[in-house]
C-alpha atoms as a PDB file:
ATOM      1  CA  UNK A   1      -0.246   0.106   0.181  1.00  0.00           C
ATOM      2  CA  UNK A   2       1.755   3.800  -1.076  1.00  0.00           C
ATOM      3  CA  UNK A   3       1.411   6.479   0.939  1.00  0.00           C
ATOM      4  CA  UNK A   4      -0.421   9.576   0.784  1.00  0.00           C
ATOM      5  CA  UNK A   5       3.473  11.061   0.589  1.00  0.00           C
ATOM      6  CA  UNK A   6       4.196   8.771  -1.977  1.00  0.00           C
ATOM      7  CA  UNK A   7       1.405   8.977  -4.315  1.00  0.00           C
ATOM      8  CA  UNK A   8       1.536  13.072  -4.797  1.00  0.00           C
ATOM      9  CA  UNK A   9       5.040  12.442  -5.414  1.00  0.00           C
ATOM     10  CA  UNK A  10       3.851  10.220  -8.635  1.00  0.00           C
ATOM     11  CA  UNK A  11       1.582  12.124  -9.798  1.00  0.00           C
ATOM     12  CA  UNK A  12       3.486  15.693  -9.812  1.00  0.00           C
ATOM     13  CA  UNK A  13       6.461  12.966 -11.174  1.00  0.00           C
ATOM     14  CA  UNK A  14       4.066  11.570 -13.616  1.00  0.00           C
ATOM     15  CA  UNK A  15       2.560  15.886 -14.989  1.00  0.00           C
ATOM     16  CA  UNK A  16       6.359  17.256 -14.745  1.00  0.00           C
ATOM     17  CA  UNK A  17       7.900  14.589 -17.358  1.00  0.00           C
ATOM     18  CA  UNK A  18       4.809  15.146 -19.453  1.00  0.00           C
ATOM     19  CA  UNK A  19       5.630  19.212 -19.234  1.00  0.00           C
ATOM     20  CA  UNK A  20       9.500  17.875 -19.922  1.00  0.00           C
ATOM     21  CA  UNK A  21       8.737  15.579 -22.760  1.00  0.00           C
ATOM     22  CA  UNK A  22       5.860  17.525 -24.414  1.00  0.00           C
ATOM     23  CA  UNK A  23       8.060  21.232 -24.940  1.00  0.00           C
ATOM     24  CA  UNK A  24      10.821  21.054 -23.388  1.00  0.00           C
ATOM     25  CA  UNK A  25      12.533  17.986 -25.539  1.00  0.00           C
ATOM     26  CA  UNK A  26      11.207  18.988 -28.664  1.00  0.00           C
ATOM     27  CA  UNK A  27      12.447  16.707 -31.148  1.00  0.00           C
ATOM     28  CA  UNK A  28      10.149  15.678 -33.409  1.00  0.00           C
ATOM     29  CA  UNK A  29      11.449  12.167 -34.416  1.00  0.00           C
ATOM     30  CA  UNK A  30      10.038  10.774 -30.326  1.00  0.00           C
ATOM     31  CA  UNK A  31       6.270  11.573 -32.172  1.00  0.00           C
ATOM     32  CA  UNK A  32       3.455  11.120 -29.560  1.00  0.00           C
ATOM     33  CA  UNK A  33       4.441  10.307 -26.371  1.00  0.00           C
ATOM     34  CA  UNK A  34       1.569  10.204 -23.281  1.00  0.00           C
ATOM     35  CA  UNK A  35       2.585   9.371 -19.476  1.00  0.00           C
ATOM     36  CA  UNK A  36       0.207   7.229 -18.714  1.00  0.00           C
ATOM     37  CA  UNK A  37       2.015   5.686 -15.431  1.00  0.00           C
ATOM     38  CA  UNK A  38       4.591   6.535 -13.176  1.00  0.00           C
ATOM     39  CA  UNK A  39       5.315   4.488  -9.802  1.00  0.00           C
ATOM     40  CA  UNK A  40       7.693   5.983  -7.118  1.00  0.00           C
ATOM     41  CA  UNK A  41       9.874   3.651  -4.929  1.00  0.00           C
ATOM     42  CA  UNK A  42       8.516   4.197  -0.944  1.00  0.00           C
ATOM     43  CA  UNK A  43      11.728   5.926  -0.199  1.00  0.00           C
ATOM     44  CA  UNK A  44      11.074   7.686  -3.628  1.00  0.00           C
ATOM     45  CA  UNK A  45      14.434   7.312  -4.776  1.00  0.00           C
ATOM     46  CA  UNK A  46      13.696   5.503  -7.654  1.00  0.00           C
ATOM     47  CA  UNK A  47      11.264   6.429 -10.372  1.00  0.00           C
ATOM     48  CA  UNK A  48       9.520   3.976 -12.508  1.00  0.00           C
ATOM     49  CA  UNK A  49       7.657   5.719 -16.251  1.00  0.00           C
ATOM     50  CA  UNK A  50       5.305   4.202 -18.278  1.00  0.00           C
ATOM     51  CA  UNK A  51       4.751   5.647 -21.499  1.00  0.00           C
ATOM     52  CA  UNK A  52       2.301   5.582 -24.384  1.00  0.00           C
ATOM     53  CA  UNK A  53       3.995   5.726 -27.638  1.00  0.00           C
ATOM     54  CA  UNK A  54       1.725   5.945 -30.584  1.00  0.00           C
ATOM     55  CA  UNK A  55       3.314   4.581 -33.747  1.00  0.00           C
ATOM     56  CA  UNK A  56       4.145   0.648 -31.880  1.00  0.00           C
ATOM     57  CA  UNK A  57       7.114   0.047 -34.254  1.00  0.00           C
ATOM     58  CA  UNK A  58       8.723   3.319 -33.147  1.00  0.00           C
ATOM     59  CA  UNK A  59       8.513   1.902 -29.738  1.00  0.00           C
ATOM     60  CA  UNK A  60      12.526   0.851 -28.704  1.00  0.00           C
ATOM     61  CA  UNK A  61      13.687   4.246 -30.969  1.00  0.00           C
ATOM     62  CA  UNK A  62      11.978   6.451 -28.336  1.00  0.00           C
ATOM     63  CA  UNK A  63      12.950   4.594 -25.076  1.00  0.00           C
ATOM     64  CA  UNK A  64      15.895   4.388 -26.678  1.00  0.00           C
ATOM     65  CA  UNK A  65      16.176   8.339 -27.417  1.00  0.00           C
ATOM     66  CA  UNK A  66      14.955   9.053 -24.403  1.00  0.00           C
ATOM     67  CA  UNK A  67      17.668   6.824 -21.973  1.00  0.00           C
ATOM     68  CA  UNK A  68      20.028   8.924 -23.815  1.00  0.00           C
ATOM     69  CA  UNK A  69      18.447  12.221 -22.855  1.00  0.00           C
ATOM     70  CA  UNK A  70      18.059  10.895 -19.192  1.00  0.00           C
ATOM     71  CA  UNK A  71      20.099  13.693 -17.694  1.00  0.00           C
ATOM     72  CA  UNK A  72      18.636  16.475 -19.497  1.00  0.00           C
ATOM     73  CA  UNK A  73      15.045  14.764 -18.353  1.00  0.00           C
ATOM     74  CA  UNK A  74      16.096  14.555 -14.921  1.00  0.00           C
ATOM     75  CA  UNK A  75      17.918  18.478 -14.548  1.00  0.00           C
ATOM     76  CA  UNK A  76      14.390  20.100 -15.763  1.00  0.00           C
ATOM     77  CA  UNK A  77      13.320  17.840 -13.641  1.00  0.00           C
ATOM     78  CA  UNK A  78      15.296  19.763 -10.631  1.00  0.00           C
ATOM     79  CA  UNK A  79      14.471  23.267 -11.416  1.00  0.00           C
ATOM     80  CA  UNK A  80      10.608  22.341 -12.215  1.00  0.00           C
ATOM     81  CA  UNK A  81       9.641  20.348  -9.192  1.00  0.00           C
ATOM     82  CA  UNK A  82      10.509  21.183  -4.738  1.00  0.00           C
ATOM     83  CA  UNK A  83      11.725  17.596  -3.423  1.00  0.00           C
ATOM     84  CA  UNK A  84      14.718  17.187  -1.737  1.00  0.00           C
ATOM     85  CA  UNK A  85      15.640  14.725  -3.809  1.00  0.00           C
ATOM     86  CA  UNK A  86      15.162  14.318  -7.800  1.00  0.00           C
ATOM     87  CA  UNK A  87      14.354   9.904  -7.966  1.00  0.00           C
ATOM     88  CA  UNK A  88      16.445   8.610 -10.517  1.00  0.00           C
ATOM     89  CA  UNK A  89      14.136   7.681 -13.344  1.00  0.00           C
ATOM     90  CA  UNK A  90      13.259   4.473 -15.259  1.00  0.00           C
ATOM     91  CA  UNK A  91      11.347   4.884 -18.968  1.00  0.00           C
ATOM     92  CA  UNK A  92       9.482   1.686 -20.036  1.00  0.00           C
ATOM     93  CA  UNK A  93       6.979   0.761 -22.311  1.00  0.00           C
ATOM     94  CA  UNK A  94       3.908   0.889 -21.682  1.00  0.00           C
ATOM     95  CA  UNK A  95       2.338  -2.844 -23.229  1.00  0.00           C
ATOM     96  CA  UNK A  96      -1.310  -2.703 -21.664  1.00  0.00           C
ATOM     97  CA  UNK A  97      -2.545  -1.253 -24.405  1.00  0.00           C
ATOM     98  CA  UNK A  98      -1.623  -4.152 -27.109  1.00  0.00           C
ATOM     99  CA  UNK A  99      -2.617  -6.624 -23.352  1.00  0.00           C
ATOM    100  CA  UNK A 100      -6.465  -5.257 -24.301  1.00  0.00           C
ATOM    101  CA  UNK A 101      -5.780  -5.384 -28.009  1.00  0.00           C
ATOM    102  CA  UNK A 102      -5.407  -9.116 -27.327  1.00  0.00           C
ATOM    103  CA  UNK A 103      -7.415  -9.842 -25.380  1.00  0.00           C
ATOM    104  CA  UNK A 104     -10.838  -8.384 -26.911  1.00  0.00           C
ATOM    105  CA  UNK A 105      -9.039  -9.804 -30.294  1.00  0.00           C
ATOM    106  CA  UNK A 106      -9.216 -13.259 -28.809  1.00  0.00           C
ATOM    107  CA  UNK A 107     -13.446 -12.202 -27.351  1.00  0.00           C
ATOM    108  CA  UNK A 108     -14.280 -11.682 -30.714  1.00  0.00           C
ATOM    109  CA  UNK A 109     -12.639 -14.685 -32.329  1.00  0.00           C
ATOM    110  CA  UNK A 110     -14.750 -16.418 -29.322  1.00  0.00           C
ATOM    111  CA  UNK A 111     -17.667 -14.804 -30.717  1.00  0.00           C
ATOM    112  CA  UNK A 112     -17.385 -15.368 -34.571  1.00  0.00           C
ATOM    113  CA  UNK A 113     -16.483 -19.236 -33.699  1.00  0.00           C
ATOM    114  CA  UNK A 114     -20.146 -19.349 -31.298  1.00  0.00           C
ATOM    115  CA  UNK A 115     -22.623 -17.420 -34.274  1.00  0.00           C
ATOM    116  CA  UNK A 116     -20.795 -20.277 -37.015  1.00  0.00           C
ATOM    117  CA  UNK A 117     -21.770 -23.161 -34.349  1.00  0.00           C
ATOM    118  CA  UNK A 118     -25.313 -21.135 -34.110  1.00  0.00           C
ATOM    119  CA  UNK A 119     -26.375 -20.517 -37.167  1.00  0.00           C
ATOM    120  CA  UNK A 120     -24.341 -24.145 -38.645  1.00  0.00           C
END
């Protein structure tokens, strides 16, 4: 169970990282990125940032490009938030939507099979 402080820091980091990616990096190669979630460790030392990338085939490219700018992003974050220590940032691709699409596909396939059986 996370504490109220951790929740507040997660929300703050999510908002600020979104702003930094949109306004400060100004890299057209990144395309459309959304910060979907932030999870901060209980000691506030590590922040795991989950990103959704619109173009699936560019996910690895975008993640690598962001990791190359990690120092700059963390520095910008340090200037934008008031916290004793800025956590170490770790970026990940959020594949939740892929999972949802897969489940929907399976459910649709089951419905098609059931419809085919009932029509036979």
